[in-house]
Amino acid sequence: MSTVADNAARALLRQMFDAAIKAAQPALCVPPALPAAPKGRLVVIGAGKASAEMARAVERNWAGPLTGLVVTRYGYAVPCERIEILEAGHPVPDAAGLQAARRILDRVQGLSGDDTVLCLISGGGSSLMPLPLEGITLEDKQKVNHALLQSGATISEMNCVRRHLSAIKGGRLAAACHPAKVVTLLISDVPGDDPRDIASGPTVADASTCADALAVIQRYAIELPERVLEALRSGRGESIKPGDPRLAGNQVHIIATPQMALEAAARVAQANGIAAHILGDSIEGEARDVGKVMAGIALQAARRKQPFAAPCVLLSGGETTVTVRGTGRGGRNVEFLLSCAIALQGEANIYGLAGDTDGVDGQEEIAGACIGPDTLARAWQAGLRPADSLDNNNGHGFFQALGDSVITGPTLTNVNDFRALLITGN
């Protein structure tokens, strides 16, 4: 393929990624979901990578009085006039997040049945409100979080553990708001869009148990401090269960999802004469394994015109996992891409982009990367060994050396991972 065509393919992939991010912007999805004005006060609280931008959307579209407090990731704050914006650590919880969680709980004390609490929750909220159960320290929570992230556990399994070690998640925040009505607006970053898993469900009843959390820990042989295990074994970490009267009448609305983002990307492809096929919005598994599978589907389309004929783009979302074995720089999207590129072995006319819609893949301020037919050849020419980079979990180092990283900066939203494989045809 010519350089011009190569650049066009990469540019189209980036347009699709940008459209996916734009579709989940709070300015678009928050206003239609705002509740009716209450008889009493409106108190806005929230946590997540998109929470500050969600708060700004509320301010710009709410005519009456309101007060509030939300916490977001460092660098994701936006100017608000009536809602205080705090920043804290993500993905590793820190003292600022601990203090923010305490202040949020304080803000909802003493409310009446005439008041409404508008809770703005998006991905990242779990790390940003790391208020542990009594007897568990912030350092304990940091160790738990680190161990979970490196274990290979799914996001649902991780959140099951987190809910049962928290004084604010697993429905506890909604219970603290009683007797006020709670309306929760969610931007989903989890496979299946289960409200319990979005920021570990601070305002959502949870049917899982401490025994379920212990089973996750045992399944992945995760080593945790004894006082953490005691909180689970004793049952004192039980979350708020369905049917609890303190949550009666509360409302939960999912206002943006990975599926919506994929559909927006598909429209961009179709407008450019490319057939778009969404393979799934909740694909999970080891990133490198998913990369191999997606490469196999792309090769079948390119060579056999099955299950789709080129030109076409294969879109998918969800959240893969990485079992860390090396000492590289992560993250799951670039690990997916590196595995995919190795499996494609320079196949002509296949390009790819994968990135996190929040602009941060792993712990790097890099959203993801691009691949093309020349990725492996350029790597070898640069002295890189793709298989070694994959074994070392060094996707970011690999793609940055090639100049193929995708950098967006803070996107102010988060609907999880975006993956696109473009088969251009001959």
Protein backbone atom coordinates (compact mmCIF):
# COMPACT_ATOMS: atom_id res chain seq x y z
CA MET A 1 0.00 0.00 0.00
CA SER A 2 1.26 3.50 -0.78
CA THR A 3 2.32 5.91 1.93
CA VAL A 4 -0.69 8.09 1.11
CA ALA A 5 -3.09 5.16 1.52
CA ASP A 6 -1.27 4.08 4.69
CA ASN A 7 -1.70 7.53 6.20
CA ALA A 8 -5.36 7.59 5.15
CA ALA A 9 -6.03 4.28 6.91
CA ARG A 10 -4.43 5.49 10.13
CA ALA A 11 -6.27 8.80 9.92
CA LEU A 12 -9.61 7.02 9.51
CA LEU A 13 -8.93 4.87 12.57
CA ARG A 14 -8.15 7.98 14.59
CA GLN A 15 -11.37 9.63 13.39
CA MET A 16 -13.32 6.61 14.61
CA PHE A 17 -11.60 6.71 18.00
CA ASP A 18 -12.27 10.43 18.36
CA ALA A 19 -15.95 9.88 17.46
CA ALA A 20 -16.22 7.16 20.11
CA ILE A 21 -14.85 9.54 22.75
CA LYS A 22 -17.10 12.39 21.62
CA ALA A 23 -20.23 10.22 21.86
CA ALA A 24 -19.63 9.76 25.58
CA GLN A 25 -19.04 13.40 26.45
CA PRO A 26 -21.06 14.47 29.51
CA ALA A 27 -22.19 17.66 27.76
CA LEU A 28 -24.25 15.43 25.45
CA CYS A 29 -25.50 12.72 27.79
CA VAL A 30 -26.04 14.44 31.15
CA PRO A 31 -28.69 17.12 30.35
CA PRO A 32 -31.44 14.73 29.12
CA ALA A 33 -31.10 12.67 32.31
CA LEU A 34 -31.38 15.42 34.92
CA PRO A 35 -34.13 14.86 37.53
CA ALA A 36 -37.05 17.15 38.28
CA ALA A 37 -36.39 19.94 40.77
CA PRO A 38 -36.94 18.69 44.35
CA LYS A 39 -39.00 20.41 47.02
CA GLY A 40 -35.88 20.71 49.12
CA ARG A 41 -32.21 20.95 48.23
CA LEU A 42 -30.27 19.44 45.32
CA VAL A 43 -26.91 18.15 46.47
CA VAL A 44 -24.48 16.96 43.77
CA ILE A 45 -21.80 14.40 44.62
CA GLY A 46 -19.74 12.07 42.50
CA ALA A 47 -16.50 10.35 41.61
CA GLY A 48 -14.72 9.20 38.47
CA LYS A 49 -12.62 10.33 35.57
CA ALA A 50 -15.68 11.99 33.99
CA SER A 51 -17.24 13.33 37.20
CA ALA A 52 -15.90 16.88 36.93
CA GLU A 53 -17.12 17.29 33.37
CA MET A 54 -20.43 15.73 34.40
CA ALA A 55 -20.66 18.30 37.21
CA ARG A 56 -20.04 21.13 34.78
CA ALA A 57 -22.81 19.79 32.52
CA VAL A 58 -25.17 19.79 35.51
CA GLU A 59 -24.29 23.38 36.41
CA ARG A 60 -24.84 24.60 32.86
CA ASN A 61 -28.26 22.94 32.61
CA TRP A 62 -29.73 23.38 36.11
CA ALA A 63 -31.72 26.57 36.64
CA GLY A 64 -32.29 26.26 40.38
CA PRO A 65 -29.96 26.33 43.38
CA LEU A 66 -27.53 23.50 44.03
CA THR A 67 -24.41 22.66 45.99
CA GLY A 68 -21.99 19.83 45.55
CA LEU A 69 -18.65 18.08 45.71
CA VAL A 70 -17.07 15.59 43.29
CA VAL A 71 -13.66 13.98 43.00
CA THR A 72 -11.82 13.21 39.78
CA ARG A 73 -8.39 12.08 38.63
CA TYR A 74 -5.43 14.45 38.80
CA GLY A 75 -5.49 16.59 35.66
CA TYR A 76 -9.19 15.99 34.96
CA ALA A 77 -10.66 18.92 36.89
CA VAL A 78 -12.67 21.57 35.03
CA PRO A 79 -13.89 24.97 36.27
CA CYS A 80 -17.21 24.87 38.15
CA GLU A 81 -18.91 27.66 40.09
CA ARG A 82 -21.23 25.89 42.55
CA ILE A 83 -19.81 22.36 42.70
CA GLU A 84 -16.43 21.91 44.35
CA ILE A 85 -14.01 19.79 42.32
CA LEU A 86 -11.38 17.71 44.10
CA GLU A 87 -8.57 15.68 42.54
CA ALA A 88 -7.04 12.42 43.73
CA GLY A 89 -4.93 9.45 42.65
CA HIS A 90 -5.83 6.85 40.05
CA PRO A 91 -5.33 3.93 39.55
CA VAL A 92 -3.42 3.84 42.85
CA PRO A 93 -5.56 5.36 45.67
CA ASP A 94 -3.99 8.11 47.74
CA ALA A 95 -4.63 10.26 50.82
CA ALA A 96 -6.39 12.92 48.73
CA GLY A 97 -8.96 10.33 47.64
CA LEU A 98 -9.43 9.17 51.20
CA GLN A 99 -10.12 12.72 52.33
CA ALA A 100 -12.45 13.31 49.37
CA ALA A 101 -14.50 10.22 50.25
CA ARG A 102 -14.87 11.40 53.84
CA ARG A 103 -15.98 14.84 52.68
CA ILE A 104 -18.54 13.34 50.31
CA LEU A 105 -20.03 11.29 53.14
CA ASP A 106 -20.11 14.40 55.34
CA ARG A 107 -21.88 16.35 52.58
CA VAL A 108 -24.89 13.99 52.59
CA GLN A 109 -25.45 13.94 56.35
CA GLY A 110 -28.64 15.45 57.79
CA LEU A 111 -30.69 15.48 54.58
CA SER A 112 -34.49 15.27 54.56
CA GLY A 113 -37.00 13.37 52.48
CA ASP A 114 -37.60 16.53 50.43
CA ASP A 115 -33.96 16.67 49.30
CA THR A 116 -32.43 14.98 46.26
CA VAL A 117 -28.85 13.77 45.93
CA LEU A 118 -27.62 13.69 42.34
CA CYS A 119 -24.72 11.25 42.20
CA LEU A 120 -22.40 11.43 39.18
CA ILE A 121 -20.41 8.23 38.77
CA SER A 122 -17.98 7.12 36.08
CA GLY A 123 -15.07 4.74 35.73
CA GLY A 124 -12.20 5.32 38.12
CA GLY A 125 -14.50 6.21 40.99
CA SER A 126 -13.46 3.13 42.94
CA SER A 127 -9.83 4.28 43.25
CA LEU A 128 -10.86 7.89 43.79
CA MET A 129 -13.00 7.10 46.87
CA PRO A 130 -10.77 4.66 48.78
CA LEU A 131 -12.49 4.91 52.15
CA PRO A 132 -11.74 1.58 53.87
CA LEU A 133 -13.75 -0.27 56.46
CA GLU A 134 -12.83 0.44 60.06
CA GLY A 135 -9.66 -1.45 60.94
CA ILE A 136 -8.30 -1.35 57.37
CA THR A 137 -5.78 1.31 56.36
CA LEU A 138 -5.25 3.23 53.14
CA GLU A 139 -1.97 1.35 52.76
CA ASP A 140 -3.94 -1.89 52.94
CA LYS A 141 -6.29 -0.67 50.21
CA GLN A 142 -3.31 0.31 48.05
CA LYS A 143 -1.83 -3.17 48.44
CA VAL A 144 -5.17 -4.77 47.59
CA ASN A 145 -5.59 -2.57 44.51
CA HIS A 146 -2.06 -3.29 43.29
CA ALA A 147 -2.45 -7.02 43.81
CA LEU A 148 -5.79 -7.12 42.01
CA LEU A 149 -4.48 -5.15 39.02
CA GLN A 150 -1.59 -7.60 38.59
CA SER A 151 -3.56 -10.78 39.23
CA GLY A 152 -5.39 -11.19 35.94
CA ALA A 153 -8.78 -10.98 37.68
CA THR A 154 -11.68 -9.55 35.68
CA ILE A 155 -13.03 -6.09 36.48
CA SER A 156 -16.15 -7.69 37.96
CA GLU A 157 -14.04 -9.87 40.25
CA MET A 158 -11.87 -6.92 41.30
CA ASN A 159 -14.91 -4.84 42.13
CA CYS A 160 -16.45 -7.66 44.15
CA VAL A 161 -13.41 -7.54 46.44
CA ARG A 162 -13.36 -3.74 46.57
CA ARG A 163 -17.05 -3.49 47.50
CA HIS A 164 -16.52 -5.63 50.58
CA LEU A 165 -13.54 -3.68 51.90
CA SER A 166 -15.10 -0.21 51.58
CA ALA A 167 -17.05 2.08 53.88
CA ILE A 168 -18.60 3.90 50.90
CA LYS A 169 -19.05 1.42 48.03
CA GLY A 170 -21.48 -1.45 47.60
CA GLY A 171 -24.52 0.78 48.19
CA ARG A 172 -23.17 2.35 51.38
CA LEU A 173 -23.08 5.89 49.94
CA ALA A 174 -26.79 5.70 49.00
CA ALA A 175 -27.63 4.36 52.46
CA ALA A 176 -25.81 7.34 54.00
CA CYS A 177 -28.02 9.72 51.99
CA HIS A 178 -31.27 8.33 53.47
CA PRO A 179 -33.97 9.67 53.75
CA ALA A 180 -33.12 11.87 50.75
CA LYS A 181 -33.88 10.55 47.27
CA VAL A 182 -30.79 9.49 45.32
CA VAL A 183 -30.61 9.79 41.53
CA THR A 184 -27.44 8.27 40.07
CA LEU A 185 -26.17 9.04 36.57
CA LEU A 186 -23.63 6.48 35.36
CA ILE A 187 -21.12 6.56 32.53
CA SER A 188 -20.28 2.88 32.11
CA ASP A 189 -16.73 1.63 31.69
CA VAL A 190 -17.40 -2.02 32.51
CA PRO A 191 -18.29 -5.03 30.37
CA GLY A 192 -22.02 -5.64 30.54
CA ASP A 193 -22.76 -2.21 32.06
CA ASP A 194 -23.60 -3.69 35.47
CA PRO A 195 -24.17 -0.68 37.80
CA ARG A 196 -22.60 -2.61 40.70
CA ASP A 197 -19.30 -2.68 38.85
CA ILE A 198 -19.14 0.98 37.82
CA ALA A 199 -16.87 2.51 40.49
CA SER A 200 -17.82 -0.52 42.64
CA GLY A 201 -21.44 0.61 42.93
CA PRO A 202 -21.48 3.22 45.74
CA THR A 203 -25.22 3.84 45.32
CA VAL A 204 -26.33 0.41 44.11
CA ALA A 205 -27.52 -2.58 46.13
CA ASP A 206 -25.19 -5.56 45.90
CA ALA A 207 -26.18 -9.21 46.14
CA SER A 208 -22.60 -10.53 46.26
CA THR A 209 -21.09 -11.51 49.60
CA CYS A 210 -17.87 -11.51 51.57
CA ALA A 211 -17.61 -15.20 50.71
CA ASP A 212 -17.64 -14.28 47.01
CA ALA A 213 -14.81 -11.80 47.59
CA LEU A 214 -12.78 -14.42 49.45
CA ALA A 215 -13.31 -16.84 46.57
CA VAL A 216 -11.77 -14.30 44.15
CA ILE A 217 -8.75 -13.87 46.42
CA GLN A 218 -8.27 -17.63 46.65
CA ARG A 219 -8.83 -18.16 42.92
CA TYR A 220 -5.94 -15.88 42.00
CA ALA A 221 -3.76 -16.70 45.04
CA ILE A 222 -3.66 -13.04 46.04
CA GLU A 223 -1.67 -12.33 49.20
CA LEU A 224 -3.39 -9.76 51.44
CA PRO A 225 -2.80 -8.40 54.96
CA GLU A 226 -4.38 -10.51 57.70
CA ARG A 227 -6.68 -7.67 58.86
CA VAL A 228 -8.10 -7.44 55.31
CA LEU A 229 -8.83 -11.15 55.29
CA GLU A 230 -10.39 -10.87 58.74
CA ALA A 231 -12.86 -8.24 57.51
CA LEU A 232 -14.04 -10.67 54.86
CA ARG A 233 -14.01 -13.83 56.97
CA SER A 234 -15.97 -12.18 59.77
CA GLY A 235 -18.62 -10.86 57.37
CA ARG A 236 -18.33 -7.29 58.65
CA GLY A 237 -17.56 -6.16 55.10
CA GLU A 238 -21.02 -7.10 53.83
CA SER A 239 -22.44 -4.60 51.36
CA ILE A 240 -25.99 -3.16 51.22
CA LYS A 241 -28.32 -5.85 49.91
CA PRO A 242 -31.29 -5.62 47.50
CA GLY A 243 -34.49 -4.72 49.30
CA ASP A 244 -32.80 -2.51 51.88
CA PRO A 245 -35.40 0.18 52.75
CA ARG A 246 -32.75 2.93 52.75
CA LEU A 247 -32.42 2.52 48.99
CA ALA A 248 -36.17 2.40 48.24
CA GLY A 249 -37.23 4.85 45.56
CA ASN A 250 -33.70 5.60 44.39
CA GLN A 251 -33.07 5.81 40.65
CA VAL A 252 -30.10 4.66 38.58
CA HIS A 253 -29.64 5.76 34.95
CA ILE A 254 -26.84 4.63 32.64
CA ILE A 255 -26.33 7.60 30.32
CA ALA A 256 -23.30 6.52 28.25
CA THR A 257 -21.96 3.07 27.38
CA PRO A 258 -19.23 1.39 25.34
CA GLN A 259 -21.89 0.29 22.83
CA MET A 260 -22.85 3.91 22.17
CA ALA A 261 -19.20 4.77 21.51
CA LEU A 262 -18.76 1.84 19.11
CA GLU A 263 -21.89 2.82 17.21
CA ALA A 264 -20.53 6.35 16.79
CA ALA A 265 -17.29 4.94 15.39
CA ALA A 266 -19.26 2.69 13.04
CA ARG A 267 -21.07 5.71 11.63
CA VAL A 268 -17.74 7.35 10.77
CA ALA A 269 -16.60 4.23 8.93
CA GLN A 270 -19.86 3.93 7.04
CA ALA A 271 -19.69 7.58 6.00
CA ASN A 272 -16.31 6.75 4.43
CA GLY A 273 -17.62 3.76 2.51
CA ILE A 274 -16.33 1.15 4.96
CA ALA A 275 -18.63 -1.56 6.31
CA ALA A 276 -18.50 -1.59 10.12
CA HIS A 277 -19.05 -4.70 12.23
CA ILE A 278 -19.31 -4.50 16.02
CA LEU A 279 -18.05 -7.81 17.40
CA GLY A 280 -18.92 -7.05 21.01
CA ASP A 281 -18.95 -4.25 23.59
CA SER A 282 -17.97 -6.41 26.57
CA ILE A 283 -15.08 -8.56 25.44
CA GLU A 284 -12.83 -9.71 28.28
CA GLY A 285 -9.84 -12.00 28.69
CA GLU A 286 -6.07 -11.72 28.60
CA ALA A 287 -5.15 -8.85 26.29
CA ARG A 288 -2.59 -10.89 24.37
CA ASP A 289 -5.08 -13.72 23.82
CA VAL A 290 -7.77 -11.34 22.59
CA GLY A 291 -5.18 -9.85 20.25
CA LYS A 292 -4.49 -13.24 18.69
CA VAL A 293 -8.18 -13.98 18.22
CA MET A 294 -8.94 -10.62 16.65
CA ALA A 295 -5.96 -11.01 14.33
CA GLY A 296 -7.31 -14.39 13.23
CA ILE A 297 -10.70 -12.89 12.39
CA ALA A 298 -9.05 -10.05 10.45
CA LEU A 299 -6.88 -12.48 8.48
CA GLN A 300 -9.93 -14.56 7.54
CA ALA A 301 -11.71 -11.43 6.32
CA ALA A 302 -8.67 -10.30 4.31
CA ARG A 303 -7.89 -13.68 2.74
CA ARG A 304 -11.24 -15.46 2.55
CA LYS A 305 -13.79 -12.64 2.72
CA GLN A 306 -15.27 -14.40 5.75
CA PRO A 307 -17.16 -13.60 7.88
CA PHE A 308 -16.96 -10.15 6.24
CA ALA A 309 -15.55 -8.88 2.97
CA ALA A 310 -13.10 -6.01 2.75
CA PRO A 311 -13.15 -3.09 2.95
CA CYS A 312 -14.45 -3.36 6.49
CA VAL A 313 -13.62 -2.50 10.07
CA LEU A 314 -13.99 -4.81 13.06
CA LEU A 315 -14.93 -2.89 16.21
CA SER A 316 -14.95 -4.11 19.77
CA GLY A 317 -14.99 -2.82 23.32
CA GLY A 318 -14.83 -4.11 26.85
CA GLU A 319 -11.93 -4.50 29.24
CA THR A 320 -9.15 -7.00 28.82
CA THR A 321 -6.71 -7.90 31.57
CA VAL A 322 -2.96 -8.27 31.79
CA THR A 323 -1.28 -10.78 34.04
CA VAL A 324 1.97 -8.94 34.71
CA ARG A 325 5.04 -11.12 34.27
CA GLY A 326 7.58 -8.57 33.06
CA THR A 327 8.88 -5.18 34.10
CA GLY A 328 7.64 -3.10 31.15
CA ARG A 329 5.29 -0.12 31.03
CA GLY A 330 1.92 -1.83 30.30
CA GLY A 331 -0.95 -1.35 29.43
CA ARG A 332 -3.75 -3.60 28.23
CA ASN A 333 -4.55 -1.85 24.92
CA VAL A 334 -0.97 -1.75 23.72
CA GLU A 335 -0.48 -5.35 24.87
CA PHE A 336 -3.51 -6.30 22.77
CA LEU A 337 -2.07 -4.47 19.76
CA LEU A 338 1.43 -5.89 20.08
CA SER A 339 0.05 -9.42 20.30
CA CYS A 340 -2.21 -8.68 17.34
CA ALA A 341 0.67 -7.33 15.23
CA ILE A 342 2.78 -10.42 15.96
CA ALA A 343 -0.10 -12.68 14.92
CA LEU A 344 -0.72 -10.68 11.71
CA GLN A 345 2.96 -11.02 10.69
CA GLY A 346 2.88 -7.98 8.44
CA GLU A 347 -0.24 -8.99 6.51
CA ALA A 348 -0.95 -6.38 3.85
CA ASN A 349 -3.94 -4.06 4.11
CA ILE A 350 -4.69 -4.59 7.82
CA TYR A 351 -4.41 -1.69 10.26
CA GLY A 352 -5.40 -1.36 13.89
CA LEU A 353 -5.95 1.11 16.71
CA ALA A 354 -6.68 0.34 20.34
CA GLY A 355 -7.00 2.84 23.13
CA ASP A 356 -8.68 3.63 26.41
CA THR A 357 -11.40 6.25 25.97
CA ASP A 358 -10.24 8.05 29.10
CA GLY A 359 -6.87 8.76 27.46
CA VAL A 360 -4.87 6.62 29.91
CA ASP A 361 -3.86 3.04 29.11
CA GLY A 362 -2.55 1.47 32.31
CA GLN A 363 -0.60 4.04 34.28
CA GLU A 364 0.75 5.96 31.27
CA GLU A 365 -0.62 9.27 29.99
CA ILE A 366 -0.99 7.54 26.62
CA ALA A 367 -4.34 6.34 25.29
CA GLY A 368 -3.04 3.50 23.12
CA ALA A 369 -1.36 2.97 19.75
CA CYS A 370 -1.71 2.11 16.05
CA ILE A 371 -0.39 -0.80 14.00
CA GLY A 372 -0.03 -1.38 10.27
CA PRO A 373 1.51 -3.88 7.82
CA ASP A 374 4.96 -2.38 8.43
CA THR A 375 4.90 -2.43 12.24
CA LEU A 376 7.06 -5.53 12.71
CA ALA A 377 9.51 -4.60 9.94
CA ARG A 378 10.07 -1.14 11.42
CA ALA A 379 10.51 -2.65 14.86
CA TRP A 380 13.18 -5.08 13.72
CA GLN A 381 14.93 -2.29 11.83
CA ALA A 382 14.96 -0.25 15.05
CA GLY A 383 16.52 -3.15 16.96
CA LEU A 384 13.29 -4.07 18.78
CA ARG A 385 12.24 -7.67 19.31
CA PRO A 386 8.41 -7.69 19.33
CA ALA A 387 8.05 -11.02 21.12
CA ASP A 388 10.47 -9.93 23.84
CA SER A 389 8.56 -6.67 24.31
CA LEU A 390 5.34 -8.65 24.69
CA ASP A 391 6.90 -11.04 27.18
CA ASN A 392 8.10 -8.04 29.20
CA ASN A 393 4.64 -6.36 29.15
CA ASN A 394 6.31 -3.38 27.45
CA GLY A 395 3.72 -2.32 24.90
CA HIS A 396 4.11 1.37 25.62
CA GLY A 397 7.88 1.23 25.28
CA PHE A 398 7.55 -0.66 21.98
CA PHE A 399 5.06 1.66 20.30
CA GLN A 400 6.60 4.85 21.64
CA ALA A 401 9.92 3.84 20.08
CA LEU A 402 8.12 3.49 16.73
CA GLY A 403 6.28 6.80 17.08
CA ASP A 404 2.94 4.98 16.95
CA SER A 405 1.51 5.95 20.33
CA VAL A 406 -1.95 7.56 20.39
CA ILE A 407 -2.08 10.52 22.78
CA THR A 408 -5.33 12.36 23.48
CA GLY A 409 -4.73 14.09 26.80
CA PRO A 410 -7.57 14.02 29.37
CA THR A 411 -10.77 13.15 27.48
CA LEU A 412 -13.05 13.96 30.47
CA THR A 413 -15.03 10.77 29.90
CA ASN A 414 -14.54 7.01 30.14
CA VAL A 415 -16.43 4.22 28.39
CA ASN A 416 -13.60 1.72 28.54
CA ASP A 417 -11.48 0.31 25.74
CA PHE A 418 -11.88 0.89 22.02
CA ARG A 419 -10.45 -1.53 19.47
CA ALA A 420 -10.65 -1.28 15.68
CA LEU A 421 -9.08 -3.46 12.98
CA LEU A 422 -9.41 -1.98 9.49
CA ILE A 423 -9.11 -4.29 6.48
CA THR A 424 -8.74 -2.06 3.45
CA GLY A 425 -8.69 -4.68 0.68
CA ASN A 426 -6.37 -4.64 -2.33
